[in-house]
Every structure is written in structure tokens, then in C-alpha cells.
Protein backbone atom coordinates (compact mmCIF):
# COMPACT_ATOMS: atom_id res chain seq x y z
CA MET A 1 0.00 0.00 0.00
CA LYS A 2 1.34 3.37 -0.97
CA VAL A 3 1.80 5.70 1.98
CA VAL A 4 0.92 9.29 1.29
CA PRO A 5 3.43 11.53 3.06
CA ARG A 6 1.95 13.84 5.63
CA MET A 7 2.24 17.49 4.72
CA PRO A 8 4.29 19.48 7.21
CA ARG A 9 2.28 21.67 9.52
CA ARG A 10 2.45 25.41 9.47
CA ASN A 11 4.10 27.14 12.37
CA LYS A 12 1.90 27.50 15.43
CA LEU A 13 0.84 30.96 16.52
CA LEU A 14 2.22 31.25 20.04
CA MET A 15 -0.54 32.74 22.17
CA ILE A 16 0.95 31.00 25.18
CA PRO A 17 2.45 32.88 28.15
CA GLY A 18 5.95 32.52 26.68
CA PRO A 19 7.86 32.00 24.64
CA THR A 20 6.13 34.58 22.52
CA GLU A 21 6.08 35.39 18.82
CA VAL A 22 9.36 36.95 17.69
CA SER A 23 9.18 40.00 15.43
CA ALA A 24 10.74 39.98 11.99
CA ASP A 25 13.54 42.40 12.87
CA VAL A 26 14.53 40.34 15.92
CA LEU A 27 14.53 37.19 13.77
CA ASN A 28 16.68 38.99 11.21
CA THR A 29 19.11 39.94 13.95
CA LEU A 30 19.49 36.27 14.84
CA SER A 31 20.65 35.59 11.27
CA LEU A 32 23.55 38.04 11.46
CA PRO A 33 27.16 36.85 11.61
CA LEU A 34 28.11 35.56 15.04
CA PRO A 35 29.89 38.19 17.15
CA ALA A 36 32.60 37.28 19.61
CA HIS A 37 31.90 37.59 23.33
CA TYR A 38 34.77 39.97 24.06
CA MET A 39 36.70 43.05 22.87
CA ASP A 40 35.70 46.57 21.91
CA ALA A 41 32.69 46.08 19.63
CA TRP A 42 31.15 43.53 21.94
CA VAL A 43 31.69 45.64 25.06
CA GLU A 44 29.88 48.52 23.35
CA THR A 45 26.92 46.28 22.48
CA PHE A 46 26.81 44.72 25.93
CA ASN A 47 26.90 48.08 27.70
CA ASP A 48 24.13 49.39 25.47
CA VAL A 49 21.91 46.43 26.42
CA THR A 50 22.59 46.62 30.16
CA GLY A 51 22.03 50.37 30.10
CA MET A 52 18.56 49.89 28.61
CA LEU A 53 17.85 47.07 31.08
CA LYS A 54 18.56 49.45 33.95
CA THR A 55 15.68 51.61 32.78
CA LEU A 56 13.33 48.65 32.20
CA LEU A 57 14.08 47.25 35.66
CA GLY A 58 13.96 50.66 37.32
CA THR A 59 17.37 50.44 38.93
CA LYS A 60 20.77 52.09 39.16
CA SER A 61 22.33 48.68 39.78
CA GLN A 62 24.29 46.90 37.07
CA PRO A 63 22.11 44.22 35.42
CA PHE A 64 23.76 40.91 34.61
CA ILE A 65 23.05 38.65 31.66
CA ILE A 66 23.28 34.92 32.35
CA THR A 67 23.17 32.49 29.46
CA GLY A 68 20.39 30.17 30.60
CA SER A 69 16.64 30.11 31.07
CA GLY A 70 14.83 32.42 33.44
CA SER A 71 15.18 29.74 36.09
CA ALA A 72 18.94 30.29 36.01
CA GLY A 73 18.29 33.77 37.38
CA LEU A 74 16.11 32.45 40.19
CA GLU A 75 18.76 29.91 41.13
CA ALA A 76 21.53 32.53 40.94
CA ALA A 77 19.59 34.76 43.34
CA ALA A 78 19.10 31.90 45.78
CA ALA A 79 22.68 30.62 45.48
CA THR A 80 24.17 34.04 46.14
CA VAL A 81 22.28 35.18 49.26
CA ILE A 82 20.73 32.06 50.82
CA GLU A 83 22.70 29.89 53.25
CA PRO A 84 21.80 26.53 54.79
CA GLY A 85 19.29 27.02 57.61
CA ASP A 86 18.06 30.46 56.48
CA LYS A 87 14.33 30.94 56.74
CA VAL A 88 12.90 31.99 53.39
CA ALA A 89 9.22 32.71 52.71
CA ALA A 90 8.69 31.55 49.13
CA ASP A 91 5.86 30.85 46.71
CA VAL A 92 4.85 27.19 46.60
CA THR A 93 1.61 27.29 44.59
CA GLY A 94 1.81 26.46 40.90
CA ASP A 95 4.68 25.86 38.54
CA ASP A 96 7.92 27.80 38.15
CA VAL A 97 7.95 29.14 41.71
CA PHE A 98 10.90 30.19 43.86
CA ALA A 99 10.56 27.49 46.53
CA PRO A 100 12.65 24.70 44.94
CA PHE A 101 15.52 27.09 44.22
CA VAL A 102 15.85 28.37 47.77
CA GLN A 103 15.43 24.85 49.14
CA ALA A 104 18.19 23.58 46.86
CA HIS A 105 20.54 25.93 48.71
CA GLY A 106 19.54 24.79 52.18
CA ALA A 107 16.77 27.21 53.08
CA LYS A 108 14.18 26.36 55.69
CA LEU A 109 11.04 26.97 53.68
CA VAL A 110 8.23 29.13 54.98
CA PRO A 111 5.52 28.39 52.39
CA LEU A 112 3.60 31.20 50.76
CA GLU A 113 0.46 29.41 49.62
CA ILE A 114 -1.37 31.57 47.12
CA PRO A 115 -4.61 30.01 45.82
CA PRO A 116 -4.77 30.18 42.00
CA GLY A 117 -6.39 33.39 40.84
CA THR A 118 -5.52 35.35 43.99
CA ALA A 119 -2.65 37.61 44.96
CA LEU A 120 -0.44 37.53 48.02
CA GLU A 121 -1.99 40.20 50.21
CA PRO A 122 0.41 42.41 52.21
CA ASP A 123 -1.48 41.81 55.47
CA ARG A 124 -1.18 38.06 54.97
CA LEU A 125 2.56 38.37 54.43
CA ARG A 126 2.84 40.50 57.56
CA GLU A 127 1.06 37.80 59.59
CA ILE A 128 3.47 35.16 58.29
CA LEU A 129 6.55 37.24 59.04
CA LYS A 130 5.29 38.10 62.53
CA LYS A 131 4.74 34.43 63.27
CA GLU A 132 8.04 33.21 61.86
CA LYS A 133 10.06 36.22 63.08
CA ASP A 134 13.59 35.68 61.68
CA VAL A 135 12.80 35.29 57.98
CA LYS A 136 15.84 36.27 55.94
CA ALA A 137 14.09 36.77 52.63
CA ILE A 138 10.80 36.59 50.79
CA ALA A 139 10.96 35.12 47.29
CA THR A 140 7.89 35.75 45.19
CA CYS A 141 6.58 36.54 41.72
CA HIS A 142 5.65 40.00 40.55
CA ASN A 143 3.48 38.45 37.84
CA ILE A 144 2.27 34.88 38.40
CA THR A 145 2.39 33.41 34.90
CA ALA A 146 0.60 30.20 35.84
CA ALA A 147 -2.54 32.06 36.93
CA GLY A 148 -2.47 35.50 35.31
CA VAL A 149 -2.10 37.38 38.60
CA THR A 150 -0.03 40.50 39.24
CA ASN A 151 1.11 40.59 42.84
CA PRO A 152 1.27 43.96 44.68
CA ILE A 153 5.05 43.65 44.84
CA LYS A 154 5.60 47.26 45.94
CA GLU A 155 3.42 46.73 49.02
CA LEU A 156 4.89 43.28 49.69
CA ALA A 157 8.41 44.73 49.60
CA ALA A 158 7.38 47.41 52.07
CA VAL A 159 6.15 44.71 54.47
CA ALA A 160 9.39 42.76 54.04
CA LYS A 161 11.34 45.89 54.93
CA GLU A 162 9.44 46.13 58.24
CA PHE A 163 11.06 42.80 59.14
CA ASP A 164 14.45 43.52 57.56
CA ALA A 165 13.91 40.72 55.05
CA LEU A 166 15.41 40.67 51.58
CA VAL A 167 13.06 40.69 48.60
CA LEU A 168 13.81 38.33 45.72
CA ALA A 169 11.38 39.03 42.87
CA ASP A 170 10.60 37.02 39.76
CA VAL A 171 9.66 39.62 37.14
CA ILE A 172 10.04 37.22 34.21
CA SER A 173 6.54 37.68 32.80
CA SER A 174 6.15 41.34 33.78
CA VAL A 175 9.27 43.26 32.78
CA GLY A 176 8.82 44.79 29.35
CA GLY A 177 5.04 44.61 29.57
CA ILE A 178 4.23 45.78 33.10
CA GLU A 179 6.19 48.53 34.82
CA VAL A 180 8.93 47.44 37.23
CA LYS A 181 10.61 49.85 39.67
CA MET A 182 13.21 47.81 41.48
CA ASP A 183 14.90 50.58 43.45
CA GLU A 184 11.79 52.58 44.28
CA TRP A 185 9.88 49.50 45.42
CA GLY A 186 12.72 48.06 47.49
CA ILE A 187 13.40 44.86 45.54
CA ASP A 188 16.80 43.39 46.37
CA ILE A 189 17.25 40.90 43.54
CA CYS A 190 15.20 41.24 40.37
CA CYS A 191 15.09 38.26 37.98
CA GLY A 192 13.88 38.56 34.41
CA ALA A 193 14.21 36.65 31.13
CA THR A 194 14.03 37.23 27.39
CA GLN A 195 11.19 34.99 26.16
CA LYS A 196 8.17 36.81 27.57
CA ALA A 197 7.41 40.49 26.96
CA PHE A 198 10.77 41.08 25.29
CA SER A 199 9.74 38.59 22.57
CA VAL A 200 13.24 37.19 22.21
CA PRO A 201 13.90 33.43 22.15
CA PRO A 202 14.54 31.73 25.50
CA GLY A 203 18.13 31.57 26.65
CA LEU A 204 19.03 34.65 28.68
CA ALA A 205 18.31 35.35 32.35
CA LEU A 206 18.48 38.99 33.46
CA VAL A 207 19.41 39.77 37.06
CA ALA A 208 19.98 42.97 39.04
CA VAL A 209 21.15 43.13 42.67
CA SER A 210 20.76 45.86 45.31
CA ASP A 211 23.55 47.12 47.56
CA ARG A 212 21.82 45.49 50.52
CA ALA A 213 21.83 42.10 48.84
CA TRP A 214 25.49 42.48 47.93
CA SER A 215 26.27 43.19 51.60
CA VAL A 216 24.48 39.98 52.59
CA ALA A 217 26.38 37.99 49.95
CA GLU A 218 29.73 39.39 51.06
CA LYS A 219 29.11 38.62 54.74
CA ARG A 220 27.78 35.08 54.36
CA GLY A 221 29.46 32.38 56.40
CA ALA A 222 29.06 29.44 54.06
CA ARG A 223 30.61 29.34 50.60
CA ILE A 224 28.37 29.86 47.59
CA GLU A 225 27.52 26.38 46.32
CA SER A 226 27.63 27.32 42.67
CA GLU A 227 30.30 28.41 40.26
CA TYR A 228 28.34 29.30 37.15
CA LEU A 229 25.46 30.97 39.06
CA ASN A 230 27.54 32.84 41.62
CA LEU A 231 26.52 36.47 41.11
CA LEU A 232 29.73 37.70 42.72
CA ARG A 233 31.54 36.39 39.63
CA TYR A 234 29.21 38.41 37.39
CA ARG A 235 29.86 41.52 39.45
CA GLU A 236 33.61 41.02 39.14
CA ALA A 237 33.35 40.62 35.36
CA ALA A 238 31.19 43.75 35.13
CA ASN A 239 33.91 45.92 36.65
CA PRO A 240 37.38 46.91 35.40
CA PRO A 241 39.69 45.50 34.31
CA GLN A 242 37.60 42.60 32.95
CA SER A 243 34.63 44.74 31.93
CA LEU A 244 36.87 46.63 29.52
CA TRP A 245 37.21 43.61 27.27
CA HIS A 246 35.15 40.61 28.55
CA PRO A 247 32.10 41.79 30.52
CA THR A 248 30.78 38.33 31.50
CA PRO A 249 32.54 35.62 33.51
CA ASP A 250 31.81 32.96 30.88
CA THR A 251 30.99 32.80 27.18
CA CYS A 252 27.55 34.27 26.64
CA SER A 253 25.05 33.76 23.82
CA THR A 254 26.07 36.76 21.76
CA LEU A 255 23.37 36.55 19.09
CA LEU A 256 20.65 36.38 21.74
CA VAL A 257 22.12 39.50 23.34
CA LYS A 258 22.04 41.21 19.94
CA ALA A 259 18.42 40.12 19.53
CA LEU A 260 17.64 41.53 22.97
CA GLN A 261 19.30 44.79 21.96
CA ARG A 262 17.01 45.04 18.93
CA SER A 263 13.95 44.26 21.06
CA LEU A 264 14.88 46.84 23.69
CA LYS A 265 15.44 49.49 21.03
CA ASN A 266 11.98 48.73 19.66
CA LEU A 267 10.48 49.26 23.11
CA PHE A 268 12.25 52.57 23.62
CA GLU A 269 11.30 53.76 20.15
CA GLU A 270 7.66 53.01 20.94
CA GLY A 271 8.01 54.69 24.34
CA LEU A 272 7.72 52.80 27.61
CA ASP A 273 4.50 54.54 28.66
CA ALA A 274 2.96 53.53 25.34
CA VAL A 275 4.23 49.97 25.77
CA TYR A 276 2.62 49.62 29.19
CA LYS A 277 -0.61 51.21 27.93
CA ARG A 278 -0.69 48.80 24.98
CA HIS A 279 -0.42 45.82 27.33
CA GLU A 280 -3.06 47.30 29.62
CA THR A 281 -5.48 47.74 26.69
CA VAL A 282 -4.86 44.24 25.37
CA GLY A 283 -5.28 42.71 28.82
CA LYS A 284 -8.61 44.48 29.26
CA ALA A 285 -9.76 43.49 25.77
CA VAL A 286 -9.06 39.80 26.38
CA ARG A 287 -10.72 39.78 29.78
CA GLU A 288 -13.84 41.60 28.60
CA ALA A 289 -14.10 39.35 25.55
CA MET A 290 -14.05 36.25 27.74
CA LYS A 291 -16.71 37.68 30.02
CA ALA A 292 -18.84 38.58 27.00
CA LEU A 293 -18.74 34.90 26.04
CA GLY A 294 -20.09 33.99 29.48
CA LEU A 295 -16.79 32.58 30.71
CA LYS A 296 -15.44 33.27 34.19
CA LEU A 297 -12.01 34.73 34.75
CA LEU A 298 -9.65 32.93 37.08
CA VAL A 299 -8.76 36.25 38.71
CA GLU A 300 -11.98 37.53 40.23
CA ASP A 301 -10.51 40.72 41.72
CA GLU A 302 -9.42 42.44 38.54
CA LYS A 303 -7.13 44.90 40.27
CA TYR A 304 -4.76 41.92 40.40
CA ALA A 305 -5.42 40.78 36.83
CA SER A 306 -2.28 40.53 34.72
CA ASN A 307 -1.85 42.57 31.56
CA THR A 308 0.40 39.93 29.99
CA VAL A 309 -1.56 36.70 30.52
CA THR A 310 -5.22 35.93 31.20
CA GLY A 311 -6.52 32.83 32.98
CA VAL A 312 -10.05 31.65 32.11
CA ARG A 313 -11.96 29.00 34.06
CA TRP A 314 -13.13 26.07 31.99
CA PRO A 315 -16.90 25.53 32.32
CA SER A 316 -18.20 22.14 33.34
CA GLY A 317 -19.65 20.07 30.52
CA PRO A 318 -17.87 21.03 27.30
CA ASP A 319 -14.97 18.92 26.05
CA TYR A 320 -11.75 20.77 26.93
CA ARG A 321 -9.57 18.42 24.93
CA LYS A 322 -11.61 19.07 21.78
CA PHE A 323 -11.45 22.80 22.41
CA TRP A 324 -7.68 22.87 22.84
CA ARG A 325 -6.92 20.41 20.03
CA THR A 326 -9.18 22.31 17.62
CA LEU A 327 -7.15 25.44 18.19
CA TYR A 328 -3.88 23.53 17.92
CA ASP A 329 -4.58 21.06 15.11
CA GLU A 330 -6.98 23.00 12.86
CA PHE A 331 -6.22 26.64 13.52
CA ASP A 332 -2.51 26.35 14.39
CA ILE A 333 -2.94 28.40 17.55
CA MET A 334 -1.33 27.45 20.85
CA ILE A 335 -2.83 28.68 24.10
CA GLY A 336 -1.70 27.77 27.58
CA ASN A 337 -2.59 24.60 29.50
CA PRO A 338 -2.64 21.63 27.11
CA PRO A 339 -5.04 18.80 27.98
CA ILE A 340 -2.49 16.43 29.49
CA SER A 341 -3.55 14.40 32.52
CA ASP A 342 -0.47 15.10 34.59
CA VAL A 343 -0.65 18.88 34.12
CA ARG A 344 -2.44 20.02 37.22
CA THR A 345 -3.91 23.22 35.77
CA SER A 346 -5.21 21.76 32.52
CA THR A 347 -8.57 20.75 33.99
CA GLY A 348 -9.21 24.03 35.78
CA TRP A 349 -8.43 26.87 33.41
CA PHE A 350 -6.75 27.86 30.22
CA ARG A 351 -4.47 30.79 29.61
CA VAL A 352 -4.05 33.22 26.77
CA GLY A 353 -0.71 34.99 26.57
CA HIS A 354 -0.66 38.57 25.28
CA MET A 355 2.78 40.01 25.85
CA GLY A 356 5.44 41.62 23.74
CA THR A 357 4.70 41.06 20.07
CA THR A 358 1.36 39.35 20.77
CA ALA A 359 0.10 42.29 22.86
CA SER A 360 -1.60 43.59 19.74
CA SER A 361 -5.05 43.49 18.17
CA LYS A 362 -3.38 41.88 15.12
CA PHE A 363 -2.79 38.76 17.18
CA VAL A 364 -5.53 38.98 19.79
CA LEU A 365 -8.57 39.44 17.53
CA PRO A 366 -7.90 36.39 15.29
CA THR A 367 -7.15 34.34 18.38
CA LEU A 368 -10.43 35.33 20.01
CA ALA A 369 -12.34 34.55 16.81
CA HIS A 370 -10.86 31.04 16.68
CA ILE A 371 -11.42 30.52 20.41
CA GLU A 372 -15.13 31.20 19.81
CA VAL A 373 -15.29 28.56 17.08
CA ALA A 374 -13.32 26.06 19.15
CA LEU A 375 -15.64 26.64 22.10
CA SER A 376 -18.65 25.95 19.87
CA ARG A 377 -17.14 22.73 18.58
CA ALA A 378 -16.38 21.65 22.12
CA GLY A 379 -20.05 21.91 23.06
CA TYR A 380 -20.15 25.37 24.62
CA LYS A 381 -22.98 27.63 23.46
CA VAL A 382 -21.45 30.64 21.77
CA ASP A 383 -22.90 33.70 20.14
CA LEU A 384 -20.18 33.93 17.50
CA GLY A 385 -18.63 37.37 17.29
CA GLN A 386 -19.67 38.44 20.78
CA GLY A 387 -16.20 38.21 22.28
CA VAL A 388 -14.41 39.57 19.24
CA GLY A 389 -16.84 42.48 18.98
CA THR A 390 -16.32 43.38 22.63
CA ALA A 391 -12.56 43.39 22.19
CA GLU A 392 -12.81 45.44 18.99
CA LYS A 393 -14.74 48.16 20.80
CA ILE A 394 -12.02 48.38 23.46
CA PHE A 395 -9.29 48.63 20.84
CA GLU A 396 -11.26 51.22 18.89
CA ALA A 397 -11.91 53.30 22.01
CA GLN A 398 -8.19 53.31 22.79
CA THR A 399 -7.32 54.29 19.22
CA ALA A 400 -9.81 57.16 19.39
CA THR A 401 -8.08 58.62 22.44
């Protein structure tokens, strides 16, 4: 029997909460000749990137670029300031939280249990720190990617300061899409990454460290149990004489840094206020569209709703697998939370990412239109066009202003 070869699929539209769609100019940058990771031209490029990152992170501190995923930044933060036996209050709910990283370096975990769809309230954190007393650090997310929640990190940092605790903040899915003010808010170590709102491929972790955190690292009693992720090595490389020719302690992914440079320039050309407003508008459009379809948002208190990712509760009855696979197989659209039995969140809610390149009506409106059709095919009663129309009105109102 003759076997007919299967035609290759088209690329999937990435409406997941990272990695995000990469713009054409960033992709073109990745096709440039490979630059070396040292000497004059590279130092100029590297300093340009870290200078722009200072503004994005809201800090006067020198940002570091670690070749690795965003998790490398979380581990570097933990490795550098956490010692065996230190009490650390860390997020434990959901995926990609800080807890395993601080525990890997000997911390005594004080769990911060945050029910999906809710934020860590400052008063709750204060209760925990009063009870535990000698907590050395809190390690939490600014934007909880798994649930589409933006934590009140400014207020949480203020509470931590009352107890002289360090603040380690995961800003991976916020920076570049939601404003971050590291110094003003009192964050001690800020950890970002390239594959979310920067719309650059995964592979670079971005870390900035406060003077207070450096003091803690310098005075620690136990040695840092990491070589590659020891932030003291990055600080040494970022200062003369090494910074004059080789600004990182190890070989970095130079093309990814060039791609990040292009992305950052795009953000500054647009204007940061405009960037944050664009994400705010898109976030509102997606949320209102889902409500117009009769769906319930995972985040009920919308003052904590993320502008880079939206969580939507799956209604009882309709076939979630058919819904998700219709989007994936027929429409070539990926949204968050695939229907896999061992993925805890897949039966409770789905997520739509809208950050960086995808924080645009050009991506959001077609996605919403196909979500409506997929919902209908899955057995959910849909008034086709209701969600899309709602989102269109929000985009049009913003354009009019």
C-alpha cells in the first residue's frame, strides 16, 4: 500500500504565556554573523543592552546577563544570598515558583500558599513574618504566569522591609510589559528573562542586585555552592579591568544578546508609557471578551489581573480536549494549558498569553475569533462574534483617544 506523506504543519501561533512570537527584525538579527563575546565592539553592544535594562528594571544597579533560562536567574539569586538554615518565605503554589531554588541551597522553607487566581496580600505576608520572626528573605513573583495574577510587589516589599527581610522578585513575565521599579519599590534581587514580553527566544536570564543584597552575599558564612550561578563572579566581570574587554565571567550567547538589543530598542522607540498602555489595553480586551462569552475569569478581583496573561476557568460540561486540540490542530494556535492528565492546571483553566509582540489586536482578535469557534465545537454555546466584537470596541476606544 502506498503511503501518502503527511504534509508538514504550518508554524503554530504562540498565544501561550511565553515563549512569545518573535518580530521579523529580531529574527533577522538572529541571522547576522556571530559576534565574539569579548573586545571593543562587543563591550559597546553589551553596555548598550545593560544600560537599557537598567531603565526597564527601574534600577541604578548593574544588570547581569546569564546564558540560561529564566530559572537560572532564580537559582543565581538563591545561590548568592541564601545559606543553609536560612528561613525563606517563598511561593509554593503552581509551577515555576521560587521554593525549589531556595530549598536547593539549604533554606528552611516558609511556604507562601497563594490560591490560584488570587494575589499575596500584604497583610497576609505581615502575619506570616510576625509568626516566623527571623525570615531572611521573601521570594515571590511579581506576575504569576501560571494564573495571570499581578502581585502587589511594591506593598509586599514594604512589608518585608518592616522585618528587615530581603526581597527576591521574579519579574520574568512582567518586565517589558508591566512597569517594574526595582529601586523605588525596594526589591533586592530582580530576575527577568528574554522569552516573555521582550519577545526574544529563550536563553538569557536577566538579574539585578541591590547594595543590601550584595552586603548579605559578602558577609555570608558558608561558601556559595555554585560556580556558574555565583553572582559575585558576574559583578567582578562587570567591573574593570575585565569589563573593559570581557564583561561576563563565561561565554555568553552573543546573538541572543544582539536580539535583545534590537527588542529593547523597539520598546524605547515606541516609548515605555505607550508599551505599558498597549499591554493594559490588550489585557482588558481579552478579559472583557471572555466575560462577554459567558466565561469566568480565574482572577476575580481584577485589580490583580495581569496585563500579559489571562486565565479563564473552563466551564463544566464542554470537552476541553476538543477545544484545545481544535485550536492547535486545525487553527494552528497554541494557548496555555494543554489537555495532558499530569498537568495540574489543565482541567481548571486555560491561559491566553498577550505580551510583547502578541500584545496587539493583530494577534488577539484572530485568536479570540478562533477561540469562539473552538468553544462551539467543544459543546459550549457561543454567540459567534460576541467576544471579538467586545474586544474590537475596546481597541477602537483606545485608538480614538
